[in-house]
Amino acid sequence: MDWQAVIDRYYPADSKVRDILLRHSRSVAGLAADISRRKGLGIPDGDIEAAAMLHDIGIIATDAPGIDCHGDKPYLAHGILGADMMRAMGVDEKFARIAERHTGAGLTHEEIAAAGLPLPLDRSYMPETTLEKLICYADCFFSKSGDMTEKPLGRVRTSMAGFGPGVASRFEELHHLFS
């Protein structure tokens, strides 16, 4: 999987947003690879790297000026936007699904509808495969703003609780699986 070609297509060289994406994604990749090795998950390193490097590819199309994204879509939609971008390039569907399902600790259709979130209900936003869950979990520990260092577990738990009890509970399930 040539994840670099996907990034090169959508992110201008030497741009701030590209640097933010790469720094964040490399951090996610490192944590995910460490967890996979420690837990003996048997996921190929190349799949972990590609999944981590591409999970946030859709941020470029969102309106998030704090991370130098000047698109017109809501930030929450970056997962579906990224999945669609990858599908348009013929990227393996497993990587598109990771982009689509990595937000928070997954989102149910009920949570999306109840909160009026700007996501279509014709897709699944719940990580299912081990790789999907791994990237979802590792992503929770890194922001794309500030110093971009790994967040402590307590801060991640507080953040997940802010999205509601379902997300918080699913994060704890992921933590139990990967810690």
N, C-alpha and C. Protein backbone atom coordinates (compact mmCIF):
# COMPACT_ATOMS: atom_id res chain seq x y z
N MET A 1 0.85 -1.19 0.00
CA MET A 1 0.00 0.00 0.00
C MET A 1 0.89 1.24 0.00
N ASP A 2 0.75 2.04 -1.02
CA ASP A 2 1.56 3.25 -1.14
C ASP A 2 0.80 4.44 -0.53
N TRP A 3 0.81 4.49 0.79
CA TRP A 3 0.10 5.56 1.48
C TRP A 3 0.68 6.93 1.14
N GLN A 4 1.96 6.99 0.85
CA GLN A 4 2.60 8.27 0.53
C GLN A 4 1.98 8.88 -0.73
N ALA A 5 1.65 8.05 -1.72
CA ALA A 5 1.04 8.56 -2.95
C ALA A 5 -0.32 9.20 -2.67
N VAL A 6 -1.07 8.65 -1.74
CA VAL A 6 -2.37 9.22 -1.39
C VAL A 6 -2.17 10.58 -0.74
N ILE A 7 -1.25 10.66 0.19
CA ILE A 7 -0.97 11.94 0.85
C ILE A 7 -0.45 12.95 -0.16
N ASP A 8 0.45 12.51 -1.04
CA ASP A 8 1.00 13.43 -2.05
C ASP A 8 -0.08 13.98 -2.97
N ARG A 9 -1.11 13.19 -3.24
CA ARG A 9 -2.16 13.66 -4.14
C ARG A 9 -2.98 14.80 -3.53
N TYR A 10 -3.21 14.74 -2.24
CA TYR A 10 -4.12 15.70 -1.60
C TYR A 10 -3.45 16.79 -0.77
N TYR A 11 -2.20 16.59 -0.39
CA TYR A 11 -1.54 17.53 0.52
C TYR A 11 -0.31 18.13 -0.14
N PRO A 12 -0.31 19.45 -0.34
CA PRO A 12 0.83 20.10 -0.98
C PRO A 12 2.12 19.91 -0.16
N ALA A 13 3.21 19.69 -0.88
CA ALA A 13 4.52 19.56 -0.22
C ALA A 13 4.80 20.83 0.56
N ASP A 14 5.47 20.66 1.68
CA ASP A 14 5.91 21.79 2.52
C ASP A 14 4.76 22.63 3.06
N SER A 15 3.54 22.08 3.14
CA SER A 15 2.43 22.83 3.72
C SER A 15 2.31 22.51 5.20
N LYS A 16 1.77 23.45 5.95
CA LYS A 16 1.59 23.26 7.39
C LYS A 16 0.64 22.09 7.67
N VAL A 17 -0.44 22.01 6.91
CA VAL A 17 -1.42 20.95 7.15
C VAL A 17 -0.81 19.57 6.88
N ARG A 18 0.04 19.47 5.89
CA ARG A 18 0.71 18.19 5.61
C ARG A 18 1.61 17.82 6.78
N ASP A 19 2.36 18.79 7.30
CA ASP A 19 3.23 18.53 8.44
C ASP A 19 2.41 18.06 9.65
N ILE A 20 1.28 18.71 9.90
CA ILE A 20 0.41 18.33 11.01
C ILE A 20 -0.09 16.90 10.81
N LEU A 21 -0.59 16.61 9.61
CA LEU A 21 -1.09 15.26 9.32
C LEU A 21 -0.01 14.22 9.52
N LEU A 22 1.17 14.46 8.98
CA LEU A 22 2.26 13.48 9.07
C LEU A 22 2.73 13.28 10.51
N ARG A 23 2.88 14.37 11.27
CA ARG A 23 3.32 14.23 12.66
C ARG A 23 2.31 13.45 13.47
N HIS A 24 1.05 13.80 13.34
CA HIS A 24 -0.01 13.10 14.07
C HIS A 24 -0.06 11.63 13.67
N SER A 25 -0.08 11.38 12.39
CA SER A 25 -0.23 10.01 11.89
C SER A 25 0.96 9.13 12.26
N ARG A 26 2.15 9.70 12.25
CA ARG A 26 3.33 8.92 12.68
C ARG A 26 3.24 8.56 14.15
N SER A 27 2.72 9.46 14.96
CA SER A 27 2.55 9.16 16.39
C SER A 27 1.56 8.03 16.58
N VAL A 28 0.44 8.09 15.86
CA VAL A 28 -0.57 7.03 15.93
C VAL A 28 0.04 5.71 15.46
N ALA A 29 0.80 5.75 14.37
CA ALA A 29 1.43 4.54 13.84
C ALA A 29 2.39 3.93 14.86
N GLY A 30 3.17 4.76 15.51
CA GLY A 30 4.13 4.25 16.49
C GLY A 30 3.45 3.56 17.65
N LEU A 31 2.42 4.20 18.21
CA LEU A 31 1.70 3.59 19.33
C LEU A 31 1.01 2.31 18.89
N ALA A 32 0.35 2.35 17.75
CA ALA A 32 -0.37 1.16 17.26
C ALA A 32 0.60 0.00 17.02
N ALA A 33 1.76 0.28 16.45
CA ALA A 33 2.74 -0.77 16.21
C ALA A 33 3.27 -1.34 17.52
N ASP A 34 3.52 -0.46 18.49
CA ASP A 34 3.99 -0.93 19.81
C ASP A 34 2.95 -1.85 20.45
N ILE A 35 1.69 -1.44 20.41
CA ILE A 35 0.62 -2.26 20.99
C ILE A 35 0.53 -3.60 20.27
N SER A 36 0.58 -3.57 18.96
CA SER A 36 0.46 -4.80 18.17
C SER A 36 1.58 -5.79 18.53
N ARG A 37 2.80 -5.27 18.64
CA ARG A 37 3.93 -6.15 18.99
C ARG A 37 3.77 -6.69 20.42
N ARG A 38 3.43 -5.81 21.35
CA ARG A 38 3.30 -6.20 22.76
C ARG A 38 2.19 -7.21 22.96
N LYS A 39 1.09 -7.04 22.24
CA LYS A 39 -0.07 -7.93 22.41
C LYS A 39 -0.03 -9.12 21.45
N GLY A 40 0.96 -9.16 20.56
CA GLY A 40 1.05 -10.27 19.62
C GLY A 40 -0.17 -10.36 18.70
N LEU A 41 -0.59 -9.22 18.17
CA LEU A 41 -1.81 -9.18 17.35
C LEU A 41 -1.63 -9.79 15.97
N GLY A 42 -0.40 -9.88 15.51
CA GLY A 42 -0.15 -10.51 14.21
C GLY A 42 -0.59 -9.67 13.02
N ILE A 43 -0.77 -8.38 13.22
CA ILE A 43 -1.13 -7.49 12.11
C ILE A 43 0.16 -7.07 11.41
N PRO A 44 0.22 -7.20 10.10
CA PRO A 44 1.45 -6.79 9.40
C PRO A 44 1.80 -5.32 9.66
N ASP A 45 3.08 -5.06 9.90
CA ASP A 45 3.53 -3.69 10.17
C ASP A 45 3.13 -2.73 9.06
N GLY A 46 3.19 -3.20 7.81
CA GLY A 46 2.81 -2.33 6.68
C GLY A 46 1.35 -1.92 6.72
N ASP A 47 0.48 -2.81 7.17
CA ASP A 47 -0.93 -2.47 7.30
C ASP A 47 -1.15 -1.45 8.40
N ILE A 48 -0.45 -1.63 9.52
CA ILE A 48 -0.57 -0.66 10.62
C ILE A 48 -0.09 0.70 10.16
N GLU A 49 1.06 0.73 9.49
CA GLU A 49 1.61 2.01 9.03
C GLU A 49 0.65 2.69 8.05
N ALA A 50 0.18 1.96 7.05
CA ALA A 50 -0.72 2.56 6.05
C ALA A 50 -2.02 3.03 6.70
N ALA A 51 -2.58 2.22 7.58
CA ALA A 51 -3.84 2.60 8.24
C ALA A 51 -3.66 3.86 9.06
N ALA A 52 -2.58 3.92 9.82
CA ALA A 52 -2.34 5.10 10.65
C ALA A 52 -2.05 6.34 9.81
N MET A 53 -1.29 6.17 8.75
CA MET A 53 -0.94 7.33 7.92
C MET A 53 -2.12 7.87 7.14
N LEU A 54 -3.13 7.04 6.89
CA LEU A 54 -4.27 7.46 6.07
C LEU A 54 -5.56 7.73 6.85
N HIS A 55 -5.61 7.39 8.12
CA HIS A 55 -6.89 7.48 8.84
C HIS A 55 -7.47 8.89 8.86
N ASP A 56 -6.63 9.91 8.82
CA ASP A 56 -7.10 11.31 8.87
C ASP A 56 -6.94 12.05 7.54
N ILE A 57 -6.80 11.33 6.45
CA ILE A 57 -6.54 11.96 5.15
C ILE A 57 -7.61 13.00 4.78
N GLY A 58 -8.82 12.84 5.30
CA GLY A 58 -9.92 13.73 4.96
C GLY A 58 -9.93 15.08 5.65
N ILE A 59 -9.01 15.33 6.58
CA ILE A 59 -9.05 16.62 7.29
C ILE A 59 -8.89 17.80 6.34
N ILE A 60 -8.19 17.61 5.24
CA ILE A 60 -7.91 18.69 4.29
C ILE A 60 -9.19 19.34 3.75
N ALA A 61 -10.28 18.58 3.72
CA ALA A 61 -11.54 19.08 3.16
C ALA A 61 -12.44 19.72 4.21
N THR A 62 -11.94 19.83 5.46
CA THR A 62 -12.79 20.36 6.53
C THR A 62 -12.44 21.80 6.88
N ASP A 63 -13.35 22.41 7.59
CA ASP A 63 -13.17 23.77 8.07
C ASP A 63 -12.61 23.70 9.49
N ALA A 64 -11.30 23.64 9.58
CA ALA A 64 -10.61 23.56 10.87
C ALA A 64 -9.34 24.41 10.79
N PRO A 65 -9.51 25.74 10.79
CA PRO A 65 -8.36 26.63 10.58
C PRO A 65 -7.26 26.47 11.63
N GLY A 66 -7.59 25.99 12.83
CA GLY A 66 -6.58 25.79 13.86
C GLY A 66 -5.52 24.78 13.47
N ILE A 67 -5.86 23.89 12.53
CA ILE A 67 -4.87 22.92 12.02
C ILE A 67 -4.64 23.14 10.53
N ASP A 68 -4.90 24.38 10.10
CA ASP A 68 -4.63 24.81 8.73
C ASP A 68 -5.46 24.08 7.67
N CYS A 69 -6.68 23.70 8.06
CA CYS A 69 -7.61 23.09 7.10
C CYS A 69 -8.66 24.13 6.76
N HIS A 70 -8.81 24.41 5.48
CA HIS A 70 -9.68 25.49 5.04
C HIS A 70 -10.73 25.02 4.04
N GLY A 71 -11.25 23.82 4.28
CA GLY A 71 -12.32 23.29 3.45
C GLY A 71 -13.66 23.84 3.92
N ASP A 72 -14.73 23.25 3.40
CA ASP A 72 -16.05 23.76 3.75
C ASP A 72 -16.93 22.73 4.48
N LYS A 73 -16.35 21.62 4.87
CA LYS A 73 -17.11 20.56 5.53
C LYS A 73 -16.82 20.58 7.04
N PRO A 74 -17.77 20.11 7.84
CA PRO A 74 -17.51 20.05 9.29
C PRO A 74 -16.39 19.05 9.60
N TYR A 75 -15.60 19.38 10.61
CA TYR A 75 -14.46 18.52 10.96
C TYR A 75 -14.88 17.09 11.24
N LEU A 76 -16.01 16.91 11.89
CA LEU A 76 -16.47 15.57 12.24
C LEU A 76 -16.62 14.68 11.01
N ALA A 77 -16.80 15.27 9.86
CA ALA A 77 -16.98 14.49 8.62
C ALA A 77 -15.66 14.04 8.00
N HIS A 78 -14.52 14.34 8.63
CA HIS A 78 -13.23 14.03 7.99
C HIS A 78 -13.05 12.54 7.73
N GLY A 79 -13.66 11.70 8.54
CA GLY A 79 -13.54 10.26 8.32
C GLY A 79 -14.21 9.81 7.04
N ILE A 80 -15.45 10.25 6.83
CA ILE A 80 -16.15 9.85 5.61
C ILE A 80 -15.54 10.51 4.39
N LEU A 81 -15.08 11.74 4.56
CA LEU A 81 -14.43 12.43 3.44
C LEU A 81 -13.16 11.69 3.03
N GLY A 82 -12.38 11.29 4.02
CA GLY A 82 -11.15 10.55 3.74
C GLY A 82 -11.44 9.20 3.10
N ALA A 83 -12.47 8.52 3.60
CA ALA A 83 -12.84 7.22 3.01
C ALA A 83 -13.22 7.40 1.55
N ASP A 84 -13.98 8.43 1.26
CA ASP A 84 -14.38 8.68 -0.13
C ASP A 84 -13.18 9.04 -1.01
N MET A 85 -12.25 9.80 -0.45
CA MET A 85 -11.04 10.16 -1.20
C MET A 85 -10.24 8.90 -1.55
N MET A 86 -10.11 8.01 -0.59
CA MET A 86 -9.36 6.78 -0.84
C MET A 86 -10.09 5.89 -1.84
N ARG A 87 -11.39 5.79 -1.71
CA ARG A 87 -12.15 4.96 -2.65
C ARG A 87 -12.00 5.50 -4.07
N ALA A 88 -11.97 6.83 -4.21
CA ALA A 88 -11.81 7.43 -5.54
C ALA A 88 -10.46 7.09 -6.16
N MET A 89 -9.48 6.80 -5.31
CA MET A 89 -8.14 6.43 -5.79
C MET A 89 -7.95 4.93 -5.92
N GLY A 90 -8.97 4.17 -5.55
CA GLY A 90 -8.86 2.72 -5.63
C GLY A 90 -8.06 2.09 -4.49
N VAL A 91 -7.94 2.81 -3.37
CA VAL A 91 -7.23 2.28 -2.21
C VAL A 91 -8.04 1.13 -1.63
N ASP A 92 -7.35 0.13 -1.10
CA ASP A 92 -7.99 -1.03 -0.49
C ASP A 92 -9.08 -0.58 0.49
N GLU A 93 -10.23 -1.19 0.38
CA GLU A 93 -11.40 -0.83 1.18
C GLU A 93 -11.12 -0.90 2.69
N LYS A 94 -10.23 -1.78 3.11
CA LYS A 94 -9.98 -1.87 4.56
C LYS A 94 -9.42 -0.57 5.12
N PHE A 95 -8.68 0.18 4.31
CA PHE A 95 -8.14 1.46 4.78
C PHE A 95 -9.21 2.56 4.74
N ALA A 96 -10.08 2.50 3.76
CA ALA A 96 -11.20 3.46 3.71
C ALA A 96 -12.10 3.27 4.92
N ARG A 97 -12.38 2.02 5.27
CA ARG A 97 -13.24 1.75 6.44
C ARG A 97 -12.59 2.24 7.73
N ILE A 98 -11.28 2.17 7.83
CA ILE A 98 -10.61 2.67 9.03
C ILE A 98 -10.82 4.17 9.16
N ALA A 99 -10.68 4.89 8.06
CA ALA A 99 -10.93 6.34 8.10
C ALA A 99 -12.37 6.61 8.55
N GLU A 100 -13.29 5.85 8.02
CA GLU A 100 -14.72 6.04 8.31
C GLU A 100 -15.08 5.73 9.75
N ARG A 101 -14.36 4.81 10.37
CA ARG A 101 -14.78 4.26 11.67
C ARG A 101 -13.88 4.63 12.84
N HIS A 102 -12.93 5.54 12.66
CA HIS A 102 -11.95 5.78 13.72
C HIS A 102 -12.34 6.89 14.69
N THR A 103 -13.38 7.63 14.43
CA THR A 103 -13.71 8.80 15.25
C THR A 103 -14.13 8.41 16.66
N GLY A 104 -13.49 9.03 17.64
CA GLY A 104 -13.77 8.73 19.05
C GLY A 104 -13.46 7.27 19.32
N ALA A 105 -14.45 6.56 19.81
CA ALA A 105 -14.33 5.11 19.98
C ALA A 105 -15.41 4.45 19.15
N GLY A 106 -15.74 5.11 18.05
CA GLY A 106 -16.84 4.68 17.20
C GLY A 106 -18.11 5.43 17.56
N LEU A 107 -18.99 5.54 16.61
CA LEU A 107 -20.27 6.23 16.82
C LEU A 107 -21.39 5.35 16.31
N THR A 108 -22.46 5.24 17.09
CA THR A 108 -23.63 4.48 16.65
C THR A 108 -24.56 5.40 15.88
N HIS A 109 -25.42 4.80 15.10
CA HIS A 109 -26.43 5.60 14.39
C HIS A 109 -27.34 6.33 15.37
N GLU A 110 -27.62 5.71 16.50
CA GLU A 110 -28.47 6.34 17.51
C GLU A 110 -27.79 7.59 18.08
N GLU A 111 -26.49 7.50 18.34
CA GLU A 111 -25.76 8.66 18.86
C GLU A 111 -25.70 9.78 17.83
N ILE A 112 -25.51 9.43 16.59
CA ILE A 112 -25.44 10.42 15.51
C ILE A 112 -26.78 11.14 15.38
N ALA A 113 -27.86 10.37 15.37
CA ALA A 113 -29.20 10.96 15.22
C ALA A 113 -29.56 11.81 16.44
N ALA A 114 -29.29 11.29 17.64
CA ALA A 114 -29.66 12.01 18.86
C ALA A 114 -28.93 13.34 18.98
N ALA A 115 -27.67 13.37 18.56
CA ALA A 115 -26.88 14.60 18.66
C ALA A 115 -26.98 15.46 17.41
N GLY A 116 -27.68 14.98 16.38
CA GLY A 116 -27.78 15.74 15.14
C GLY A 116 -26.44 15.95 14.48
N LEU A 117 -25.59 14.94 14.54
CA LEU A 117 -24.25 15.07 13.96
C LEU A 117 -24.31 15.05 12.43
N PRO A 118 -23.41 15.77 11.78
CA PRO A 118 -23.44 15.89 10.31
C PRO A 118 -22.82 14.67 9.61
N LEU A 119 -23.39 13.51 9.86
CA LEU A 119 -22.90 12.28 9.24
C LEU A 119 -24.08 11.51 8.65
N PRO A 120 -23.95 11.01 7.44
CA PRO A 120 -25.04 10.23 6.86
C PRO A 120 -25.19 8.90 7.59
N LEU A 121 -26.40 8.41 7.66
CA LEU A 121 -26.67 7.18 8.39
C LEU A 121 -26.63 5.94 7.52
N ASP A 122 -26.08 6.05 6.32
CA ASP A 122 -26.00 4.91 5.41
C ASP A 122 -24.67 4.17 5.52
N ARG A 123 -23.88 4.49 6.55
CA ARG A 123 -22.57 3.87 6.74
C ARG A 123 -22.42 3.44 8.19
N SER A 124 -21.46 2.56 8.43
CA SER A 124 -21.14 2.16 9.80
C SER A 124 -19.97 3.00 10.29
N TYR A 125 -20.08 3.48 11.50
CA TYR A 125 -19.02 4.26 12.11
C TYR A 125 -18.45 3.55 13.34
N MET A 126 -18.64 2.25 13.38
CA MET A 126 -18.17 1.44 14.50
C MET A 126 -17.02 0.55 14.03
N PRO A 127 -15.84 0.67 14.68
CA PRO A 127 -14.73 -0.19 14.29
C PRO A 127 -15.08 -1.65 14.56
N GLU A 128 -14.75 -2.50 13.59
CA GLU A 128 -15.09 -3.92 13.70
C GLU A 128 -13.86 -4.81 13.72
N THR A 129 -12.94 -4.61 12.80
CA THR A 129 -11.76 -5.48 12.74
C THR A 129 -10.76 -5.06 13.81
N THR A 130 -9.82 -5.92 14.08
CA THR A 130 -8.77 -5.60 15.06
C THR A 130 -7.97 -4.38 14.60
N LEU A 131 -7.66 -4.29 13.32
CA LEU A 131 -6.91 -3.14 12.83
C LEU A 131 -7.73 -1.85 12.97
N GLU A 132 -9.01 -1.90 12.64
CA GLU A 132 -9.87 -0.72 12.83
C GLU A 132 -9.88 -0.28 14.29
N LYS A 133 -10.04 -1.23 15.19
CA LYS A 133 -10.08 -0.92 16.62
C LYS A 133 -8.73 -0.38 17.11
N LEU A 134 -7.65 -0.96 16.62
CA LEU A 134 -6.31 -0.54 17.03
C LEU A 134 -6.04 0.91 16.65
N ILE A 135 -6.34 1.28 15.42
CA ILE A 135 -6.10 2.66 14.98
C ILE A 135 -7.03 3.61 15.71
N CYS A 136 -8.27 3.23 15.89
CA CYS A 136 -9.23 4.03 16.64
C CYS A 136 -8.69 4.31 18.05
N TYR A 137 -8.21 3.28 18.71
CA TYR A 137 -7.69 3.41 20.08
C TYR A 137 -6.44 4.29 20.11
N ALA A 138 -5.46 3.99 19.27
CA ALA A 138 -4.20 4.75 19.28
C ALA A 138 -4.44 6.22 18.95
N ASP A 139 -5.38 6.49 18.06
CA ASP A 139 -5.69 7.86 17.66
C ASP A 139 -6.18 8.70 18.84
N CYS A 140 -6.86 8.08 19.78
CA CYS A 140 -7.40 8.81 20.93
C CYS A 140 -6.32 9.48 21.75
N PHE A 141 -5.08 9.03 21.65
CA PHE A 141 -4.00 9.52 22.49
C PHE A 141 -3.23 10.70 21.89
N PHE A 142 -3.59 11.11 20.67
CA PHE A 142 -2.82 12.17 20.01
C PHE A 142 -3.74 13.21 19.37
N SER A 143 -3.45 14.46 19.65
CA SER A 143 -4.17 15.57 19.05
C SER A 143 -3.41 16.05 17.82
N LYS A 144 -4.08 16.80 17.00
CA LYS A 144 -3.42 17.42 15.85
C LYS A 144 -3.07 18.88 16.13
N SER A 145 -3.28 19.30 17.37
CA SER A 145 -2.94 20.67 17.76
C SER A 145 -2.09 20.63 19.03
N GLY A 146 -1.61 21.79 19.43
CA GLY A 146 -0.77 21.86 20.61
C GLY A 146 0.58 21.22 20.38
N ASP A 147 1.12 20.60 21.42
CA ASP A 147 2.46 20.02 21.29
C ASP A 147 2.44 18.62 20.67
N MET A 148 1.26 18.07 20.48
CA MET A 148 1.06 16.79 19.79
C MET A 148 1.73 15.61 20.50
N THR A 149 2.06 15.78 21.79
CA THR A 149 2.62 14.66 22.53
C THR A 149 1.49 13.73 22.98
N GLU A 150 1.87 12.54 23.38
CA GLU A 150 0.88 11.55 23.80
C GLU A 150 0.14 12.03 25.05
N LYS A 151 -1.19 11.95 24.99
CA LYS A 151 -2.02 12.34 26.13
C LYS A 151 -2.00 11.24 27.18
N PRO A 152 -2.03 11.63 28.45
CA PRO A 152 -2.15 10.61 29.49
C PRO A 152 -3.54 9.96 29.45
N LEU A 153 -3.62 8.73 29.93
CA LEU A 153 -4.86 7.97 29.90
C LEU A 153 -6.02 8.73 30.55
N GLY A 154 -5.79 9.38 31.67
CA GLY A 154 -6.85 10.11 32.35
C GLY A 154 -7.45 11.21 31.48
N ARG A 155 -6.62 11.89 30.75
CA ARG A 155 -7.10 12.96 29.85
C ARG A 155 -7.91 12.36 28.70
N VAL A 156 -7.48 11.21 28.18
CA VAL A 156 -8.24 10.56 27.11
C VAL A 156 -9.60 10.13 27.63
N ARG A 157 -9.63 9.56 28.83
CA ARG A 157 -10.90 9.13 29.42
C ARG A 157 -11.85 10.31 29.60
N THR A 158 -11.34 11.42 30.07
CA THR A 158 -12.17 12.62 30.23
C THR A 158 -12.72 13.09 28.89
N SER A 159 -11.87 13.07 27.88
CA SER A 159 -12.29 13.47 26.54
C SER A 159 -13.39 12.55 26.01
N MET A 160 -13.20 11.25 26.15
CA MET A 160 -14.19 10.28 25.66
C MET A 160 -15.51 10.42 26.42
N ALA A 161 -15.45 10.70 27.71
CA ALA A 161 -16.67 10.87 28.51
C ALA A 161 -17.47 12.07 28.01
N GLY A 162 -16.78 13.07 27.47
CA GLY A 162 -17.46 14.25 26.93
C GLY A 162 -18.33 13.95 25.72
N PHE A 163 -18.10 12.81 25.08
CA PHE A 163 -18.91 12.42 23.93
C PHE A 163 -20.09 11.55 24.33
N GLY A 164 -20.21 11.27 25.61
CA GLY A 164 -21.35 10.49 26.09
C GLY A 164 -20.93 9.14 26.64
N PRO A 165 -21.86 8.51 27.37
CA PRO A 165 -21.52 7.25 28.04
C PRO A 165 -21.22 6.11 27.07
N GLY A 166 -21.85 6.09 25.92
CA GLY A 166 -21.58 5.02 24.95
C GLY A 166 -20.16 5.07 24.44
N VAL A 167 -19.69 6.24 24.07
CA VAL A 167 -18.32 6.40 23.58
C VAL A 167 -17.34 6.07 24.69
N ALA A 168 -17.61 6.56 25.91
CA ALA A 168 -16.72 6.30 27.05
C ALA A 168 -16.63 4.80 27.32
N SER A 169 -17.76 4.13 27.27
CA SER A 169 -17.79 2.68 27.51
C SER A 169 -17.03 1.93 26.42
N ARG A 170 -17.21 2.34 25.18
CA ARG A 170 -16.49 1.68 24.09
C ARG A 170 -14.99 1.93 24.18
N PHE A 171 -14.60 3.13 24.62
CA PHE A 171 -13.17 3.38 24.81
C PHE A 171 -12.62 2.44 25.87
N GLU A 172 -13.34 2.24 26.96
CA GLU A 172 -12.87 1.33 28.01
C GLU A 172 -12.73 -0.09 27.48
N GLU A 173 -13.63 -0.51 26.60
CA GLU A 173 -13.51 -1.83 25.98
C GLU A 173 -12.23 -1.92 25.14
N LEU A 174 -11.96 -0.85 24.38
CA LEU A 174 -10.73 -0.82 23.59
C LEU A 174 -9.50 -0.81 24.50
N HIS A 175 -9.58 -0.06 25.58
CA HIS A 175 -8.45 0.01 26.51
C HIS A 175 -8.19 -1.38 27.10
N HIS A 176 -9.24 -2.06 27.50
CA HIS A 176 -9.09 -3.41 28.04
C HIS A 176 -8.46 -4.34 27.01
N LEU A 177 -8.85 -4.19 25.77
CA LEU A 177 -8.34 -5.04 24.69
C LEU A 177 -6.85 -4.79 24.43
N PHE A 178 -6.44 -3.53 24.48
CA PHE A 178 -5.09 -3.17 24.03
C PHE A 178 -4.11 -2.79 25.12
N SER A 179 -4.56 -2.64 26.36
CA SER A 179 -3.62 -2.24 27.43
C SER A 179 -2.91 -3.44 28.03
